Amino acid sequence: MDFGAHSIIWIILVGLVIGAIAKLLMPGKDPGGCIVTILLGIAGALVGTWIGRIFAGENYVAGWIMSIVGAMILLLLYRLLFRRGV
């Protein structure tokens, strides 16, 4: 797979949007800034694609909704694993 500079910029921007939407839909205090949000969105798209392939077949590619769902799942797991002391 060959990624050009435009593709990488596009992936980062879409990851930022997906991660930001996931954080907005899940209220609560989240650590991390812009970089964590971008990584959350990109990984969310991968998780959404993986979940979709389980149910819809091997050629499934996550759209916006499944990418956001994947990012929300990762955010929930992050919150459960890295809780700060109460």
N, C-alpha and C. Protein backbone atom coordinates (compact mmCIF):
# COMPACT_ATOMS: atom_id res chain seq x y z
N MET A 1 0.84 -1.16 0.00
CA MET A 1 0.00 0.00 0.00
C MET A 1 0.89 1.24 0.00
N ASP A 2 0.67 2.12 -0.92
CA ASP A 2 1.50 3.31 -1.08
C ASP A 2 0.73 4.55 -0.64
N PHE A 3 1.22 5.20 0.40
CA PHE A 3 0.59 6.41 0.89
C PHE A 3 1.40 7.62 0.47
N GLY A 4 0.73 8.59 -0.13
CA GLY A 4 1.38 9.85 -0.45
C GLY A 4 1.17 10.82 0.69
N ALA A 5 1.75 11.99 0.57
CA ALA A 5 1.63 13.00 1.62
C ALA A 5 0.18 13.42 1.82
N HIS A 6 -0.58 13.52 0.73
CA HIS A 6 -1.98 13.90 0.85
C HIS A 6 -2.78 12.83 1.58
N SER A 7 -2.47 11.58 1.34
CA SER A 7 -3.19 10.49 2.02
C SER A 7 -2.93 10.52 3.52
N ILE A 8 -1.69 10.75 3.91
CA ILE A 8 -1.35 10.77 5.32
C ILE A 8 -2.02 11.95 6.01
N ILE A 9 -2.03 13.10 5.38
CA ILE A 9 -2.71 14.27 5.95
C ILE A 9 -4.20 14.00 6.08
N TRP A 10 -4.79 13.38 5.08
CA TRP A 10 -6.21 13.04 5.11
C TRP A 10 -6.51 12.08 6.26
N ILE A 11 -5.69 11.06 6.45
CA ILE A 11 -5.88 10.08 7.52
C ILE A 11 -5.81 10.79 8.88
N ILE A 12 -4.87 11.70 9.05
CA ILE A 12 -4.73 12.43 10.31
C ILE A 12 -5.95 13.30 10.56
N LEU A 13 -6.42 14.02 9.54
CA LEU A 13 -7.59 14.89 9.71
C LEU A 13 -8.85 14.10 10.03
N VAL A 14 -9.05 13.01 9.33
CA VAL A 14 -10.23 12.18 9.59
C VAL A 14 -10.13 11.56 10.98
N GLY A 15 -8.93 11.12 11.37
CA GLY A 15 -8.73 10.58 12.72
C GLY A 15 -9.05 11.61 13.79
N LEU A 16 -8.66 12.86 13.56
CA LEU A 16 -8.97 13.93 14.51
C LEU A 16 -10.47 14.14 14.65
N VAL A 17 -11.17 14.16 13.53
CA VAL A 17 -12.62 14.36 13.56
C VAL A 17 -13.32 13.19 14.26
N ILE A 18 -12.95 11.97 13.91
CA ILE A 18 -13.57 10.80 14.52
C ILE A 18 -13.29 10.74 16.01
N GLY A 19 -12.04 10.98 16.40
CA GLY A 19 -11.69 10.97 17.82
C GLY A 19 -12.42 12.06 18.59
N ALA A 20 -12.55 13.25 18.00
CA ALA A 20 -13.25 14.35 18.67
C ALA A 20 -14.73 14.04 18.85
N ILE A 21 -15.35 13.46 17.83
CA ILE A 21 -16.77 13.08 17.94
C ILE A 21 -16.96 12.02 19.02
N ALA A 22 -16.06 11.04 19.06
CA ALA A 22 -16.16 9.99 20.09
C ALA A 22 -16.03 10.59 21.48
N LYS A 23 -15.11 11.54 21.66
CA LYS A 23 -14.95 12.18 22.96
C LYS A 23 -16.17 13.02 23.32
N LEU A 24 -16.78 13.66 22.34
CA LEU A 24 -17.98 14.45 22.60
C LEU A 24 -19.18 13.58 22.98
N LEU A 25 -19.27 12.40 22.37
CA LEU A 25 -20.40 11.51 22.64
C LEU A 25 -20.27 10.77 23.97
N MET A 26 -19.06 10.71 24.50
CA MET A 26 -18.83 10.04 25.78
C MET A 26 -18.38 11.08 26.79
N PRO A 27 -19.33 11.62 27.55
CA PRO A 27 -18.96 12.67 28.50
C PRO A 27 -18.03 12.14 29.58
N GLY A 28 -17.22 13.03 30.09
CA GLY A 28 -16.27 12.67 31.13
C GLY A 28 -14.93 13.30 30.83
N LYS A 29 -14.08 13.26 31.82
CA LYS A 29 -12.77 13.86 31.67
C LYS A 29 -11.81 12.85 31.04
N ASP A 30 -11.22 13.25 29.94
CA ASP A 30 -10.29 12.38 29.23
C ASP A 30 -8.91 13.01 29.18
N PRO A 31 -7.91 12.22 29.49
CA PRO A 31 -6.55 12.74 29.36
C PRO A 31 -6.15 12.77 27.89
N GLY A 32 -5.16 13.52 27.61
CA GLY A 32 -4.64 13.56 26.26
C GLY A 32 -5.18 14.73 25.47
N GLY A 33 -4.39 15.18 24.58
CA GLY A 33 -4.76 16.32 23.76
C GLY A 33 -5.05 15.90 22.34
N CYS A 34 -4.58 16.71 21.44
CA CYS A 34 -4.86 16.53 20.02
C CYS A 34 -4.27 15.23 19.47
N ILE A 35 -3.06 14.91 19.86
CA ILE A 35 -2.39 13.70 19.34
C ILE A 35 -3.15 12.44 19.77
N VAL A 36 -3.55 12.39 21.04
CA VAL A 36 -4.29 11.23 21.54
C VAL A 36 -5.62 11.12 20.81
N THR A 37 -6.27 12.25 20.56
CA THR A 37 -7.55 12.25 19.84
C THR A 37 -7.38 11.71 18.42
N ILE A 38 -6.32 12.13 17.74
CA ILE A 38 -6.04 11.64 16.39
C ILE A 38 -5.80 10.13 16.41
N LEU A 39 -4.97 9.68 17.33
CA LEU A 39 -4.68 8.24 17.42
C LEU A 39 -5.93 7.44 17.76
N LEU A 40 -6.75 7.99 18.64
CA LEU A 40 -8.01 7.34 19.00
C LEU A 40 -8.91 7.19 17.77
N GLY A 41 -9.00 8.24 16.97
CA GLY A 41 -9.84 8.19 15.76
C GLY A 41 -9.33 7.21 14.73
N ILE A 42 -8.03 7.21 14.50
CA ILE A 42 -7.44 6.29 13.51
C ILE A 42 -7.62 4.84 13.97
N ALA A 43 -7.30 4.58 15.24
CA ALA A 43 -7.47 3.22 15.77
C ALA A 43 -8.94 2.83 15.80
N GLY A 44 -9.82 3.80 16.05
CA GLY A 44 -11.26 3.53 16.04
C GLY A 44 -11.74 3.06 14.69
N ALA A 45 -11.21 3.65 13.63
CA ALA A 45 -11.57 3.20 12.28
C ALA A 45 -11.11 1.77 12.04
N LEU A 46 -9.94 1.43 12.55
CA LEU A 46 -9.45 0.06 12.40
C LEU A 46 -10.32 -0.92 13.19
N VAL A 47 -10.69 -0.54 14.41
CA VAL A 47 -11.55 -1.41 15.23
C VAL A 47 -12.93 -1.53 14.59
N GLY A 48 -13.47 -0.43 14.08
CA GLY A 48 -14.76 -0.47 13.40
C GLY A 48 -14.75 -1.38 12.19
N THR A 49 -13.66 -1.34 11.43
CA THR A 49 -13.53 -2.23 10.28
C THR A 49 -13.45 -3.67 10.73
N TRP A 50 -12.69 -3.94 11.78
CA TRP A 50 -12.55 -5.31 12.29
C TRP A 50 -13.89 -5.85 12.76
N ILE A 51 -14.64 -5.05 13.51
CA ILE A 51 -15.97 -5.47 13.98
C ILE A 51 -16.89 -5.72 12.79
N GLY A 52 -16.87 -4.84 11.82
CA GLY A 52 -17.72 -4.98 10.64
C GLY A 52 -17.39 -6.24 9.84
N ARG A 53 -16.12 -6.59 9.78
CA ARG A 53 -15.73 -7.79 9.04
C ARG A 53 -16.22 -9.06 9.71
N ILE A 54 -16.39 -9.01 11.02
CA ILE A 54 -16.93 -10.18 11.73
C ILE A 54 -18.37 -10.44 11.29
N PHE A 55 -19.15 -9.36 11.14
CA PHE A 55 -20.58 -9.49 10.86
C PHE A 55 -20.94 -9.34 9.39
N ALA A 56 -20.17 -8.57 8.61
CA ALA A 56 -20.57 -8.26 7.24
C ALA A 56 -19.67 -8.87 6.17
N GLY A 57 -18.64 -9.56 6.55
CA GLY A 57 -17.78 -10.19 5.55
C GLY A 57 -16.42 -9.52 5.46
N GLU A 58 -15.50 -10.18 4.80
CA GLU A 58 -14.11 -9.74 4.80
C GLU A 58 -13.84 -8.48 3.98
N ASN A 59 -14.75 -8.06 3.13
CA ASN A 59 -14.52 -6.86 2.33
C ASN A 59 -15.09 -5.60 2.96
N TYR A 60 -15.58 -5.69 4.19
CA TYR A 60 -16.18 -4.54 4.87
C TYR A 60 -15.11 -3.50 5.22
N VAL A 61 -15.41 -2.24 4.97
CA VAL A 61 -14.56 -1.12 5.39
C VAL A 61 -15.45 -0.17 6.18
N ALA A 62 -14.99 0.21 7.37
CA ALA A 62 -15.80 1.04 8.26
C ALA A 62 -16.07 2.41 7.65
N GLY A 63 -17.29 2.84 7.79
CA GLY A 63 -17.66 4.21 7.44
C GLY A 63 -17.54 5.08 8.68
N TRP A 64 -18.14 6.23 8.62
CA TRP A 64 -18.05 7.18 9.73
C TRP A 64 -18.63 6.62 11.02
N ILE A 65 -19.81 6.02 10.94
CA ILE A 65 -20.49 5.58 12.16
C ILE A 65 -19.71 4.45 12.84
N MET A 66 -19.29 3.46 12.09
CA MET A 66 -18.54 2.36 12.70
C MET A 66 -17.17 2.83 13.19
N SER A 67 -16.58 3.80 12.54
CA SER A 67 -15.31 4.35 13.01
C SER A 67 -15.50 5.04 14.36
N ILE A 68 -16.58 5.79 14.49
CA ILE A 68 -16.87 6.47 15.76
C ILE A 68 -17.18 5.44 16.84
N VAL A 69 -17.95 4.41 16.50
CA VAL A 69 -18.24 3.34 17.46
C VAL A 69 -16.94 2.67 17.91
N GLY A 70 -16.06 2.39 16.98
CA GLY A 70 -14.77 1.79 17.34
C GLY A 70 -13.96 2.69 18.24
N ALA A 71 -13.96 4.00 17.96
CA ALA A 71 -13.23 4.95 18.80
C ALA A 71 -13.85 5.03 20.19
N MET A 72 -15.17 4.95 20.28
CA MET A 72 -15.83 4.98 21.58
C MET A 72 -15.49 3.73 22.39
N ILE A 73 -15.41 2.59 21.74
CA ILE A 73 -15.03 1.36 22.43
C ILE A 73 -13.61 1.49 22.97
N LEU A 74 -12.70 2.02 22.16
CA LEU A 74 -11.33 2.20 22.62
C LEU A 74 -11.24 3.21 23.77
N LEU A 75 -12.03 4.26 23.68
CA LEU A 75 -12.04 5.26 24.75
C LEU A 75 -12.56 4.65 26.05
N LEU A 76 -13.59 3.83 25.97
CA LEU A 76 -14.11 3.15 27.16
C LEU A 76 -13.06 2.22 27.75
N LEU A 77 -12.38 1.45 26.91
CA LEU A 77 -11.32 0.56 27.39
C LEU A 77 -10.19 1.35 28.02
N TYR A 78 -9.83 2.48 27.42
CA TYR A 78 -8.78 3.33 27.96
C TYR A 78 -9.15 3.83 29.35
N ARG A 79 -10.39 4.26 29.49
CA ARG A 79 -10.87 4.75 30.79
C ARG A 79 -10.87 3.65 31.84
N LEU A 80 -11.24 2.44 31.45
CA LEU A 80 -11.27 1.32 32.40
C LEU A 80 -9.87 0.88 32.81
N LEU A 81 -8.94 0.88 31.87
CA LEU A 81 -7.59 0.41 32.15
C LEU A 81 -6.72 1.43 32.88
N PHE A 82 -6.93 2.70 32.60
CA PHE A 82 -6.05 3.73 33.15
C PHE A 82 -6.81 4.72 34.02
N ARG A 83 -7.62 4.20 34.92
CA ARG A 83 -8.32 5.05 35.88
C ARG A 83 -7.32 5.70 36.81
N ARG A 84 -7.59 6.93 37.07
CA ARG A 84 -6.75 7.63 38.04
C ARG A 84 -7.28 7.34 39.43
N GLY A 85 -6.40 7.40 40.40
CA GLY A 85 -6.79 7.15 41.79
C GLY A 85 -7.89 8.10 42.25
N VAL A 86 -8.87 7.53 42.92
CA VAL A 86 -10.00 8.34 43.36
C VAL A 86 -9.78 8.81 44.78
